[in-house]
Amino acid sequence: MKKLISVKFLFAFFFGACWLGQANASLELATAKNCMACHAIDRKVVGPGYQDVAKKYAGDATAKARLAEKILKGGAGVWGPVPMPANSQVNEAQANQLAAWVLSIK
């Protein structure tokens, strides 16, 4: 029984650490790609806070692809009159990673 509990604990710890590492990696990516100059996690800066974005698109199966496209190409009108510029320093894989991370924020 103790061995089973230990295995469950190690499994939970490993996957929890992986998820936390992925969350930190995405925050680091957002910082490295200058996303955090206009966005914050919990409040509006120039653009919306990431918590608000995640809340708005919760349950939308197309949200990740649409957000990744906006990260790459820019957008306007959804969150007010200030447009989000295209991010030429972000590649498609990074845009998808950032979109998934934003949508995971609670």
N, C-alpha and C. Protein backbone atom coordinates (compact mmCIF):
# COMPACT_ATOMS: atom_id res chain seq x y z
N MET A 1 0.82 -1.19 0.00
CA MET A 1 0.00 0.00 0.00
C MET A 1 0.87 1.26 0.00
N LYS A 2 1.95 1.25 0.81
CA LYS A 2 2.83 2.41 0.86
C LYS A 2 3.48 2.64 -0.49
N LYS A 3 3.84 1.54 -1.17
CA LYS A 3 4.48 1.67 -2.48
C LYS A 3 3.52 2.30 -3.48
N LEU A 4 2.24 1.94 -3.44
CA LEU A 4 1.23 2.50 -4.33
C LEU A 4 1.06 3.99 -4.07
N ILE A 5 1.03 4.40 -2.82
CA ILE A 5 0.90 5.82 -2.48
C ILE A 5 2.13 6.58 -2.96
N SER A 6 3.30 5.99 -2.79
CA SER A 6 4.53 6.64 -3.23
C SER A 6 4.54 6.82 -4.74
N VAL A 7 4.09 5.83 -5.47
CA VAL A 7 4.04 5.91 -6.93
C VAL A 7 3.05 7.00 -7.35
N LYS A 8 1.90 7.06 -6.71
CA LYS A 8 0.91 8.10 -7.02
C LYS A 8 1.47 9.48 -6.72
N PHE A 9 2.16 9.62 -5.59
CA PHE A 9 2.76 10.89 -5.23
C PHE A 9 3.80 11.31 -6.26
N LEU A 10 4.68 10.40 -6.63
CA LEU A 10 5.71 10.71 -7.62
C LEU A 10 5.10 11.08 -8.97
N PHE A 11 4.07 10.37 -9.37
CA PHE A 11 3.38 10.66 -10.62
C PHE A 11 2.78 12.06 -10.58
N ALA A 12 2.07 12.38 -9.50
CA ALA A 12 1.45 13.71 -9.36
C ALA A 12 2.51 14.80 -9.29
N PHE A 13 3.58 14.55 -8.57
CA PHE A 13 4.65 15.54 -8.46
C PHE A 13 5.31 15.78 -9.81
N PHE A 14 5.60 14.72 -10.53
CA PHE A 14 6.26 14.84 -11.83
C PHE A 14 5.41 15.63 -12.81
N PHE A 15 4.14 15.28 -12.94
CA PHE A 15 3.28 15.98 -13.90
C PHE A 15 2.94 17.38 -13.42
N GLY A 16 2.85 17.60 -12.13
CA GLY A 16 2.66 18.95 -11.61
C GLY A 16 3.87 19.82 -11.91
N ALA A 17 5.05 19.27 -11.73
CA ALA A 17 6.28 20.02 -12.02
C ALA A 17 6.39 20.31 -13.51
N CYS A 18 6.00 19.35 -14.34
CA CYS A 18 6.03 19.58 -15.79
C CYS A 18 5.06 20.70 -16.18
N TRP A 19 3.85 20.68 -15.62
CA TRP A 19 2.88 21.72 -15.94
C TRP A 19 3.38 23.07 -15.47
N LEU A 20 3.92 23.13 -14.25
CA LEU A 20 4.43 24.40 -13.72
C LEU A 20 5.60 24.89 -14.57
N GLY A 21 6.46 23.98 -14.96
CA GLY A 21 7.58 24.35 -15.83
C GLY A 21 7.08 24.90 -17.15
N GLN A 22 6.04 24.29 -17.70
CA GLN A 22 5.48 24.76 -18.96
C GLN A 22 4.86 26.14 -18.78
N ALA A 23 4.17 26.37 -17.67
CA ALA A 23 3.58 27.68 -17.40
C ALA A 23 4.67 28.73 -17.28
N ASN A 24 5.73 28.41 -16.55
CA ASN A 24 6.83 29.35 -16.41
C ASN A 24 7.51 29.60 -17.75
N ALA A 25 7.66 28.55 -18.55
CA ALA A 25 8.29 28.70 -19.86
C ALA A 25 7.47 29.63 -20.73
N SER A 26 6.16 29.54 -20.66
CA SER A 26 5.31 30.40 -21.48
C SER A 26 5.35 31.85 -21.00
N LEU A 27 5.42 32.06 -19.71
CA LEU A 27 5.58 33.41 -19.19
C LEU A 27 6.93 33.97 -19.64
N GLU A 28 7.95 33.15 -19.60
CA GLU A 28 9.26 33.58 -20.07
C GLU A 28 9.23 33.89 -21.56
N LEU A 29 8.50 33.08 -22.33
CA LEU A 29 8.38 33.34 -23.77
C LEU A 29 7.62 34.64 -24.01
N ALA A 30 6.55 34.85 -23.28
CA ALA A 30 5.77 36.09 -23.43
C ALA A 30 6.63 37.31 -23.08
N THR A 31 7.46 37.18 -22.07
CA THR A 31 8.35 38.27 -21.69
C THR A 31 9.41 38.48 -22.76
N ALA A 32 10.00 37.40 -23.23
CA ALA A 32 11.07 37.49 -24.24
C ALA A 32 10.56 38.08 -25.55
N LYS A 33 9.31 37.84 -25.88
CA LYS A 33 8.75 38.32 -27.15
C LYS A 33 8.02 39.66 -26.98
N ASN A 34 8.21 40.31 -25.84
CA ASN A 34 7.68 41.64 -25.54
C ASN A 34 6.16 41.71 -25.40
N CYS A 35 5.51 40.59 -25.20
CA CYS A 35 4.06 40.58 -24.98
C CYS A 35 3.70 41.34 -23.70
N MET A 36 4.57 41.21 -22.70
CA MET A 36 4.27 41.79 -21.39
C MET A 36 4.44 43.31 -21.38
N ALA A 37 4.92 43.88 -22.47
CA ALA A 37 4.99 45.34 -22.56
C ALA A 37 3.58 45.93 -22.69
N CYS A 38 2.66 45.18 -23.27
CA CYS A 38 1.29 45.67 -23.49
C CYS A 38 0.24 44.89 -22.71
N HIS A 39 0.61 43.74 -22.18
CA HIS A 39 -0.35 42.88 -21.47
C HIS A 39 0.20 42.54 -20.09
N ALA A 40 -0.70 42.26 -19.17
CA ALA A 40 -0.37 41.71 -17.86
C ALA A 40 -1.29 40.52 -17.65
N ILE A 41 -0.98 39.72 -16.68
CA ILE A 41 -1.82 38.55 -16.43
C ILE A 41 -3.16 38.94 -15.85
N ASP A 42 -3.16 39.87 -14.90
CA ASP A 42 -4.37 40.14 -14.12
C ASP A 42 -4.98 41.52 -14.31
N ARG A 43 -4.50 42.30 -15.27
CA ARG A 43 -5.08 43.64 -15.47
C ARG A 43 -4.80 44.13 -16.88
N LYS A 44 -5.59 45.09 -17.30
CA LYS A 44 -5.40 45.73 -18.59
C LYS A 44 -4.19 46.66 -18.50
N VAL A 45 -3.34 46.64 -19.50
CA VAL A 45 -2.24 47.59 -19.62
C VAL A 45 -2.59 48.41 -20.86
N VAL A 46 -2.03 48.10 -22.00
CA VAL A 46 -2.48 48.67 -23.27
C VAL A 46 -3.54 47.74 -23.84
N GLY A 47 -3.23 46.45 -23.80
CA GLY A 47 -4.17 45.41 -24.22
C GLY A 47 -4.79 44.76 -23.00
N PRO A 48 -5.70 43.84 -23.22
CA PRO A 48 -6.41 43.20 -22.11
C PRO A 48 -5.50 42.33 -21.26
N GLY A 49 -5.90 42.12 -20.01
CA GLY A 49 -5.21 41.16 -19.15
C GLY A 49 -5.48 39.75 -19.65
N TYR A 50 -4.50 38.89 -19.48
CA TYR A 50 -4.64 37.52 -19.98
C TYR A 50 -5.75 36.75 -19.29
N GLN A 51 -6.03 37.04 -18.01
CA GLN A 51 -7.15 36.38 -17.34
C GLN A 51 -8.46 36.72 -18.04
N ASP A 52 -8.61 37.98 -18.46
CA ASP A 52 -9.83 38.40 -19.16
C ASP A 52 -9.94 37.72 -20.52
N VAL A 53 -8.81 37.57 -21.20
CA VAL A 53 -8.82 36.88 -22.50
C VAL A 53 -9.25 35.43 -22.31
N ALA A 54 -8.65 34.76 -21.32
CA ALA A 54 -9.00 33.36 -21.06
C ALA A 54 -10.47 33.21 -20.71
N LYS A 55 -10.99 34.14 -19.91
CA LYS A 55 -12.39 34.09 -19.51
C LYS A 55 -13.31 34.29 -20.73
N LYS A 56 -12.96 35.24 -21.59
CA LYS A 56 -13.79 35.54 -22.76
C LYS A 56 -13.89 34.35 -23.71
N TYR A 57 -12.79 33.63 -23.87
CA TYR A 57 -12.75 32.53 -24.84
C TYR A 57 -12.92 31.15 -24.22
N ALA A 58 -13.25 31.07 -22.94
CA ALA A 58 -13.44 29.78 -22.27
C ALA A 58 -14.52 28.98 -23.01
N GLY A 59 -14.21 27.75 -23.31
CA GLY A 59 -15.17 26.87 -23.98
C GLY A 59 -15.23 27.03 -25.49
N ASP A 60 -14.48 27.94 -26.06
CA ASP A 60 -14.46 28.16 -27.51
C ASP A 60 -13.38 27.28 -28.13
N ALA A 61 -13.79 26.28 -28.87
CA ALA A 61 -12.85 25.32 -29.46
C ALA A 61 -11.94 25.95 -30.51
N THR A 62 -12.33 27.07 -31.06
CA THR A 62 -11.53 27.72 -32.10
C THR A 62 -10.61 28.81 -31.54
N ALA A 63 -10.68 29.04 -30.24
CA ALA A 63 -9.97 30.17 -29.63
C ALA A 63 -8.45 30.08 -29.80
N LYS A 64 -7.87 28.91 -29.60
CA LYS A 64 -6.40 28.79 -29.67
C LYS A 64 -5.90 29.19 -31.06
N ALA A 65 -6.53 28.68 -32.09
CA ALA A 65 -6.10 29.00 -33.46
C ALA A 65 -6.32 30.48 -33.77
N ARG A 66 -7.45 31.03 -33.33
CA ARG A 66 -7.72 32.45 -33.60
C ARG A 66 -6.76 33.37 -32.86
N LEU A 67 -6.47 33.03 -31.60
CA LEU A 67 -5.53 33.85 -30.84
C LEU A 67 -4.11 33.74 -31.40
N ALA A 68 -3.71 32.55 -31.80
CA ALA A 68 -2.39 32.38 -32.40
C ALA A 68 -2.26 33.23 -33.66
N GLU A 69 -3.32 33.27 -34.46
CA GLU A 69 -3.30 34.09 -35.67
C GLU A 69 -3.21 35.58 -35.33
N LYS A 70 -3.93 36.01 -34.30
CA LYS A 70 -3.85 37.42 -33.88
C LYS A 70 -2.46 37.76 -33.35
N ILE A 71 -1.85 36.81 -32.65
CA ILE A 71 -0.49 37.04 -32.16
C ILE A 71 0.45 37.26 -33.35
N LEU A 72 0.29 36.45 -34.38
CA LEU A 72 1.16 36.55 -35.56
C LEU A 72 0.85 37.78 -36.42
N LYS A 73 -0.44 38.00 -36.70
CA LYS A 73 -0.83 39.01 -37.69
C LYS A 73 -1.36 40.31 -37.09
N GLY A 74 -1.62 40.32 -35.79
CA GLY A 74 -2.20 41.49 -35.16
C GLY A 74 -3.71 41.46 -35.25
N GLY A 75 -4.35 42.47 -34.70
CA GLY A 75 -5.80 42.53 -34.72
C GLY A 75 -6.29 43.85 -34.16
N ALA A 76 -7.58 44.08 -34.29
CA ALA A 76 -8.17 45.32 -33.78
C ALA A 76 -9.66 45.14 -33.58
N GLY A 77 -10.19 45.93 -32.65
CA GLY A 77 -11.63 46.02 -32.49
C GLY A 77 -12.26 45.11 -31.47
N VAL A 78 -11.59 44.05 -31.05
CA VAL A 78 -12.21 43.12 -30.11
C VAL A 78 -12.18 43.67 -28.69
N TRP A 79 -11.08 44.34 -28.32
CA TRP A 79 -10.88 44.83 -26.96
C TRP A 79 -10.85 46.35 -26.89
N GLY A 80 -11.30 47.01 -27.92
CA GLY A 80 -11.28 48.46 -27.93
C GLY A 80 -10.58 48.99 -29.17
N PRO A 81 -10.36 50.29 -29.22
CA PRO A 81 -9.85 50.91 -30.44
C PRO A 81 -8.34 50.76 -30.69
N VAL A 82 -7.57 50.38 -29.67
CA VAL A 82 -6.12 50.28 -29.85
C VAL A 82 -5.79 48.96 -30.54
N PRO A 83 -5.18 49.01 -31.73
CA PRO A 83 -4.86 47.76 -32.44
C PRO A 83 -3.65 47.06 -31.83
N MET A 84 -3.64 45.74 -31.96
CA MET A 84 -2.47 44.96 -31.57
C MET A 84 -1.65 44.75 -32.84
N PRO A 85 -0.38 45.15 -32.84
CA PRO A 85 0.43 44.99 -34.03
C PRO A 85 0.81 43.54 -34.27
N ALA A 86 1.17 43.23 -35.50
CA ALA A 86 1.70 41.91 -35.83
C ALA A 86 3.01 41.70 -35.07
N ASN A 87 3.30 40.47 -34.76
CA ASN A 87 4.51 40.13 -34.01
C ASN A 87 5.43 39.29 -34.87
N SER A 88 6.21 39.94 -35.69
CA SER A 88 7.08 39.23 -36.63
C SER A 88 8.19 38.45 -35.94
N GLN A 89 8.47 38.75 -34.67
CA GLN A 89 9.50 38.04 -33.93
C GLN A 89 9.01 36.72 -33.35
N VAL A 90 7.72 36.42 -33.54
CA VAL A 90 7.11 35.19 -33.03
C VAL A 90 6.84 34.26 -34.21
N ASN A 91 7.28 33.00 -34.09
CA ASN A 91 6.97 32.04 -35.15
C ASN A 91 5.66 31.32 -34.84
N GLU A 92 5.19 30.50 -35.75
CA GLU A 92 3.88 29.86 -35.60
C GLU A 92 3.82 28.95 -34.37
N ALA A 93 4.86 28.18 -34.12
CA ALA A 93 4.87 27.29 -32.95
C ALA A 93 4.82 28.10 -31.66
N GLN A 94 5.55 29.20 -31.62
CA GLN A 94 5.53 30.05 -30.43
C GLN A 94 4.17 30.71 -30.25
N ALA A 95 3.55 31.13 -31.34
CA ALA A 95 2.22 31.73 -31.26
C ALA A 95 1.21 30.73 -30.70
N ASN A 96 1.30 29.48 -31.14
CA ASN A 96 0.41 28.44 -30.62
C ASN A 96 0.67 28.18 -29.14
N GLN A 97 1.94 28.16 -28.74
CA GLN A 97 2.29 27.96 -27.33
C GLN A 97 1.77 29.12 -26.48
N LEU A 98 1.95 30.34 -26.96
CA LEU A 98 1.47 31.51 -26.22
C LEU A 98 -0.05 31.51 -26.11
N ALA A 99 -0.73 31.18 -27.20
CA ALA A 99 -2.20 31.15 -27.18
C ALA A 99 -2.70 30.11 -26.19
N ALA A 100 -2.11 28.93 -26.21
CA ALA A 100 -2.52 27.86 -25.27
C ALA A 100 -2.27 28.30 -23.84
N TRP A 101 -1.14 28.95 -23.60
CA TRP A 101 -0.82 29.41 -22.26
C TRP A 101 -1.82 30.48 -21.80
N VAL A 102 -2.11 31.45 -22.63
CA VAL A 102 -3.06 32.51 -22.26
C VAL A 102 -4.41 31.89 -21.92
N LEU A 103 -4.87 30.94 -22.73
CA LEU A 103 -6.17 30.33 -22.50
C LEU A 103 -6.20 29.47 -21.23
N SER A 104 -5.03 29.05 -20.74
CA SER A 104 -4.98 28.23 -19.53
C SER A 104 -4.97 29.05 -18.24
N ILE A 105 -4.81 30.35 -18.35
CA ILE A 105 -4.70 31.19 -17.16
C ILE A 105 -6.06 31.34 -16.49
N LYS A 106 -6.06 31.16 -15.19
CA LYS A 106 -7.32 31.27 -14.41
C LYS A 106 -7.35 32.59 -13.69
